[in-house]
N, C-alpha and C. Protein backbone atom coordinates (compact mmCIF):
# COMPACT_ATOMS: atom_id res chain seq x y z
N UNK A 1 0.84 -1.17 0.00
CA UNK A 1 0.00 0.00 0.00
C UNK A 1 0.89 1.24 0.00
N UNK A 2 0.54 2.17 -0.83
CA UNK A 2 1.23 3.44 -0.92
C UNK A 2 0.21 4.53 -0.62
N UNK A 3 0.66 5.72 -0.26
CA UNK A 3 -0.29 6.78 0.04
C UNK A 3 0.34 8.15 -0.18
N UNK A 4 -0.55 9.13 -0.36
CA UNK A 4 -0.18 10.52 -0.47
C UNK A 4 -0.98 11.28 0.58
N UNK A 5 -0.32 12.22 1.25
CA UNK A 5 -0.98 13.03 2.27
C UNK A 5 -1.17 14.45 1.74
N UNK A 6 -2.38 14.96 1.90
CA UNK A 6 -2.67 16.35 1.56
C UNK A 6 -3.32 17.00 2.77
N UNK A 7 -2.71 18.07 3.26
CA UNK A 7 -3.29 18.83 4.36
C UNK A 7 -3.87 20.13 3.83
N UNK A 8 -5.09 20.42 4.25
CA UNK A 8 -5.74 21.66 3.88
C UNK A 8 -6.39 22.22 5.14
N UNK A 9 -5.68 23.13 5.79
CA UNK A 9 -6.17 23.60 7.08
C UNK A 9 -6.10 22.48 8.09
N UNK A 10 -7.19 22.23 8.76
CA UNK A 10 -7.24 21.14 9.74
C UNK A 10 -7.71 19.82 9.16
N UNK A 11 -7.85 19.76 7.82
CA UNK A 11 -8.32 18.53 7.17
C UNK A 11 -7.16 17.82 6.50
N UNK A 12 -6.98 16.57 6.83
CA UNK A 12 -5.95 15.75 6.19
C UNK A 12 -6.64 14.71 5.31
N UNK A 13 -6.24 14.66 4.05
CA UNK A 13 -6.76 13.63 3.16
C UNK A 13 -5.62 12.68 2.82
N UNK A 14 -5.86 11.41 3.05
CA UNK A 14 -4.90 10.37 2.70
C UNK A 14 -5.44 9.62 1.51
N UNK A 15 -4.73 9.70 0.41
CA UNK A 15 -5.10 8.95 -0.78
C UNK A 15 -4.31 7.66 -0.75
N UNK A 16 -5.01 6.56 -0.50
CA UNK A 16 -4.37 5.25 -0.41
C UNK A 16 -4.38 4.58 -1.78
N UNK A 17 -3.32 3.82 -2.06
CA UNK A 17 -3.21 3.11 -3.34
C UNK A 17 -2.71 1.69 -3.09
N UNK A 18 -3.19 0.78 -3.92
CA UNK A 18 -2.71 -0.60 -3.84
C UNK A 18 -3.68 -1.49 -3.10
N UNK A 19 -3.14 -2.27 -2.17
CA UNK A 19 -3.94 -3.26 -1.45
C UNK A 19 -3.89 -3.00 0.04
N UNK A 20 -5.06 -3.09 0.67
CA UNK A 20 -5.14 -2.98 2.13
C UNK A 20 -5.30 -4.40 2.67
N UNK A 21 -4.17 -4.98 3.02
CA UNK A 21 -4.11 -6.33 3.56
C UNK A 21 -3.21 -6.32 4.79
N UNK A 22 -2.96 -7.49 5.35
CA UNK A 22 -2.10 -7.58 6.53
C UNK A 22 -0.73 -6.94 6.29
N UNK A 23 -0.24 -7.03 5.07
CA UNK A 23 1.08 -6.47 4.75
C UNK A 23 1.12 -4.95 4.91
N UNK A 24 -0.03 -4.29 4.89
CA UNK A 24 -0.10 -2.84 5.02
C UNK A 24 -0.12 -2.39 6.48
N UNK A 25 -0.16 -3.33 7.41
CA UNK A 25 -0.35 -3.02 8.83
C UNK A 25 0.69 -2.04 9.37
N UNK A 26 1.96 -2.31 9.21
CA UNK A 26 3.01 -1.47 9.80
C UNK A 26 2.96 -0.05 9.24
N UNK A 27 2.83 0.07 7.94
CA UNK A 27 2.76 1.39 7.32
C UNK A 27 1.52 2.16 7.75
N UNK A 28 0.42 1.45 7.89
CA UNK A 28 -0.82 2.11 8.29
C UNK A 28 -0.72 2.58 9.73
N UNK A 29 -0.08 1.81 10.58
CA UNK A 29 0.09 2.23 11.98
C UNK A 29 0.96 3.48 12.08
N UNK A 30 1.91 3.64 11.17
CA UNK A 30 2.71 4.88 11.12
C UNK A 30 1.82 6.07 10.80
N UNK A 31 0.90 5.88 9.87
CA UNK A 31 -0.05 6.94 9.52
C UNK A 31 -0.85 7.34 10.76
N UNK A 32 -1.34 6.35 11.49
CA UNK A 32 -2.15 6.62 12.67
C UNK A 32 -1.33 7.32 13.76
N UNK A 33 -0.06 6.98 13.88
CA UNK A 33 0.80 7.61 14.88
C UNK A 33 0.92 9.11 14.61
N UNK A 34 0.88 9.51 13.36
CA UNK A 34 0.92 10.93 13.01
C UNK A 34 -0.28 11.68 13.56
N UNK A 35 -1.42 11.01 13.65
CA UNK A 35 -2.62 11.66 14.17
C UNK A 35 -2.45 12.07 15.62
N UNK A 36 -1.69 11.27 16.36
CA UNK A 36 -1.48 11.54 17.78
C UNK A 36 -0.74 12.85 18.01
N UNK A 37 -0.03 13.33 17.00
CA UNK A 37 0.74 14.57 17.14
C UNK A 37 -0.14 15.81 17.11
N UNK A 38 -1.39 15.65 16.69
CA UNK A 38 -2.33 16.77 16.72
C UNK A 38 -2.29 17.62 15.46
N UNK A 39 -3.08 18.69 15.50
CA UNK A 39 -3.16 19.62 14.39
C UNK A 39 -4.14 19.23 13.31
N UNK A 40 -4.83 18.10 13.49
CA UNK A 40 -5.79 17.64 12.49
C UNK A 40 -7.17 17.61 13.15
N UNK A 41 -8.14 18.23 12.51
CA UNK A 41 -9.51 18.19 13.02
C UNK A 41 -10.32 17.11 12.32
N UNK A 42 -9.94 16.83 11.06
CA UNK A 42 -10.69 15.86 10.25
C UNK A 42 -9.71 15.08 9.39
N UNK A 43 -10.01 13.80 9.20
CA UNK A 43 -9.19 12.96 8.34
C UNK A 43 -10.09 12.19 7.39
N UNK A 44 -9.74 12.23 6.12
CA UNK A 44 -10.49 11.55 5.08
C UNK A 44 -9.58 10.52 4.44
N UNK A 45 -10.02 9.27 4.39
CA UNK A 45 -9.29 8.24 3.66
C UNK A 45 -9.91 8.11 2.29
N UNK A 46 -9.18 8.52 1.27
CA UNK A 46 -9.64 8.40 -0.11
C UNK A 46 -9.23 7.01 -0.60
N UNK A 47 -10.24 6.17 -0.82
CA UNK A 47 -10.00 4.77 -1.18
C UNK A 47 -10.15 4.52 -2.68
N UNK A 48 -10.26 5.56 -3.48
CA UNK A 48 -10.55 5.38 -4.91
C UNK A 48 -9.47 4.60 -5.65
N UNK A 49 -8.24 4.60 -5.16
CA UNK A 49 -7.15 3.88 -5.83
C UNK A 49 -6.76 2.59 -5.10
N UNK A 50 -7.55 2.20 -4.10
CA UNK A 50 -7.31 0.92 -3.43
C UNK A 50 -7.99 -0.15 -4.27
N UNK A 51 -7.19 -1.07 -4.79
CA UNK A 51 -7.73 -2.06 -5.71
C UNK A 51 -8.21 -3.33 -5.03
N UNK A 52 -7.76 -3.57 -3.79
CA UNK A 52 -8.17 -4.79 -3.09
C UNK A 52 -8.09 -4.55 -1.59
N UNK A 53 -9.08 -5.09 -0.87
CA UNK A 53 -9.09 -5.04 0.59
C UNK A 53 -9.62 -6.36 1.09
N UNK A 54 -8.99 -6.89 2.15
CA UNK A 54 -9.49 -8.11 2.77
C UNK A 54 -9.91 -7.79 4.20
N UNK A 55 -10.16 -8.83 5.00
CA UNK A 55 -10.62 -8.61 6.38
C UNK A 55 -9.57 -7.88 7.21
N UNK A 56 -8.30 -8.08 6.91
CA UNK A 56 -7.25 -7.35 7.63
C UNK A 56 -7.34 -5.86 7.30
N UNK A 57 -7.68 -5.54 6.06
CA UNK A 57 -7.89 -4.14 5.67
C UNK A 57 -9.05 -3.52 6.42
N UNK A 58 -10.12 -4.28 6.59
CA UNK A 58 -11.24 -3.80 7.40
C UNK A 58 -10.79 -3.56 8.84
N UNK A 59 -9.91 -4.43 9.33
CA UNK A 59 -9.36 -4.24 10.67
C UNK A 59 -8.57 -2.95 10.78
N UNK A 60 -7.86 -2.58 9.71
CA UNK A 60 -7.12 -1.33 9.70
C UNK A 60 -8.08 -0.14 9.77
N UNK A 61 -9.23 -0.25 9.11
CA UNK A 61 -10.23 0.81 9.20
C UNK A 61 -10.77 0.95 10.62
N UNK A 62 -10.93 -0.19 11.31
CA UNK A 62 -11.37 -0.16 12.71
C UNK A 62 -10.31 0.55 13.56
N UNK A 63 -9.03 0.21 13.34
CA UNK A 63 -7.95 0.88 14.08
C UNK A 63 -7.98 2.38 13.83
N UNK A 64 -8.18 2.78 12.58
CA UNK A 64 -8.22 4.21 12.24
C UNK A 64 -9.41 4.89 12.91
N UNK A 65 -10.56 4.24 12.89
CA UNK A 65 -11.75 4.80 13.53
C UNK A 65 -11.53 4.97 15.03
N UNK A 66 -10.93 3.98 15.67
CA UNK A 66 -10.66 4.06 17.11
C UNK A 66 -9.65 5.16 17.41
N UNK A 67 -8.61 5.28 16.59
CA UNK A 67 -7.60 6.34 16.79
C UNK A 67 -8.24 7.71 16.63
N UNK A 68 -9.12 7.85 15.66
CA UNK A 68 -9.79 9.13 15.45
C UNK A 68 -10.65 9.48 16.66
N UNK A 69 -11.38 8.52 17.18
CA UNK A 69 -12.22 8.78 18.35
C UNK A 69 -11.38 9.19 19.55
N UNK A 70 -10.24 8.50 19.76
CA UNK A 70 -9.36 8.83 20.89
C UNK A 70 -8.82 10.24 20.81
N UNK A 71 -8.54 10.69 19.60
CA UNK A 71 -7.90 12.00 19.42
C UNK A 71 -8.88 13.10 19.03
N UNK A 72 -10.17 12.77 18.95
CA UNK A 72 -11.18 13.78 18.64
C UNK A 72 -11.21 14.22 17.18
N UNK A 73 -10.74 13.36 16.30
CA UNK A 73 -10.71 13.66 14.87
C UNK A 73 -11.98 13.14 14.21
N UNK A 74 -12.57 13.95 13.35
CA UNK A 74 -13.70 13.49 12.54
C UNK A 74 -13.11 12.63 11.43
N UNK A 75 -13.60 11.42 11.28
CA UNK A 75 -13.01 10.46 10.36
C UNK A 75 -14.07 9.97 9.39
N UNK A 76 -13.69 9.90 8.11
CA UNK A 76 -14.61 9.36 7.11
C UNK A 76 -13.85 8.75 5.95
N UNK A 77 -14.57 7.95 5.19
CA UNK A 77 -14.03 7.28 4.01
C UNK A 77 -14.60 7.96 2.76
N UNK A 78 -13.86 7.85 1.67
CA UNK A 78 -14.28 8.52 0.45
C UNK A 78 -13.99 7.66 -0.77
N UNK A 79 -14.96 7.53 -1.64
CA UNK A 79 -14.86 6.94 -2.97
C UNK A 79 -14.27 5.52 -3.07
N UNK A 80 -14.73 4.59 -2.24
CA UNK A 80 -14.30 3.20 -2.49
C UNK A 80 -14.87 2.72 -3.82
N UNK A 81 -14.11 1.90 -4.52
CA UNK A 81 -14.52 1.40 -5.84
C UNK A 81 -14.47 -0.12 -5.88
N UNK A 82 -15.21 -0.70 -6.80
CA UNK A 82 -15.13 -2.13 -7.10
C UNK A 82 -15.26 -3.02 -5.89
N UNK A 83 -14.31 -3.94 -5.74
CA UNK A 83 -14.31 -4.94 -4.67
C UNK A 83 -14.27 -4.28 -3.31
N UNK A 84 -13.56 -3.16 -3.18
CA UNK A 84 -13.45 -2.46 -1.90
C UNK A 84 -14.82 -1.92 -1.49
N UNK A 85 -15.52 -1.31 -2.42
CA UNK A 85 -16.86 -0.80 -2.13
C UNK A 85 -17.79 -1.95 -1.74
N UNK A 86 -17.75 -3.04 -2.48
CA UNK A 86 -18.60 -4.20 -2.17
C UNK A 86 -18.33 -4.71 -0.76
N UNK A 87 -17.06 -4.81 -0.39
CA UNK A 87 -16.70 -5.29 0.95
C UNK A 87 -17.22 -4.34 2.03
N UNK A 88 -17.08 -3.05 1.81
CA UNK A 88 -17.56 -2.07 2.79
C UNK A 88 -19.08 -2.15 2.91
N UNK A 89 -19.77 -2.31 1.79
CA UNK A 89 -21.23 -2.40 1.83
C UNK A 89 -21.70 -3.71 2.46
N UNK A 90 -21.10 -4.83 2.06
CA UNK A 90 -21.52 -6.13 2.59
C UNK A 90 -21.28 -6.21 4.10
N UNK A 91 -20.15 -5.70 4.54
CA UNK A 91 -19.81 -5.73 5.97
C UNK A 91 -20.50 -4.62 6.75
N UNK A 92 -21.17 -3.72 6.02
CA UNK A 92 -21.89 -2.58 6.60
C UNK A 92 -20.97 -1.63 7.37
N UNK A 93 -19.72 -1.53 6.93
CA UNK A 93 -18.79 -0.60 7.56
C UNK A 93 -19.23 0.85 7.38
N UNK A 94 -19.97 1.11 6.31
CA UNK A 94 -20.45 2.47 6.09
C UNK A 94 -21.46 2.91 7.14
N UNK A 95 -21.97 1.97 7.95
CA UNK A 95 -22.84 2.35 9.06
C UNK A 95 -22.03 2.67 10.31
N UNK A 96 -20.77 2.26 10.34
CA UNK A 96 -19.88 2.55 11.46
C UNK A 96 -19.01 3.77 11.20
N UNK A 97 -18.55 3.88 9.97
CA UNK A 97 -17.66 4.97 9.56
C UNK A 97 -18.35 5.68 8.39
N UNK A 98 -18.60 6.97 8.50
CA UNK A 98 -19.22 7.67 7.38
C UNK A 98 -18.43 7.45 6.09
N UNK A 99 -19.14 7.22 5.00
CA UNK A 99 -18.51 6.92 3.72
C UNK A 99 -19.22 7.64 2.61
N UNK A 100 -18.45 8.38 1.83
CA UNK A 100 -18.97 9.07 0.66
C UNK A 100 -18.72 8.17 -0.54
N UNK A 101 -19.80 7.59 -1.08
CA UNK A 101 -19.67 6.71 -2.23
C UNK A 101 -19.65 7.56 -3.47
């Protein structure tokens, strides 16, 4: 998994690319550690370029949601496509984490 960070005021958008699987765990935890430093009011995960996600990827979304709640960050998902969108819909993650389809 690769990503690009864009900060606009207090909003951070992370554009994720590739696959969200167990192999993405360490890199994703680094992203979450940045949230602890503060200065972000809202974080958006742009999933439009994520081509595959498995149950471990869903677990990473749970970690992100929990980190956001701990730090008072508004957290949401944006533009999941294909298999990723299907997984989010089937698992009903969009009822736990706001998602802009």
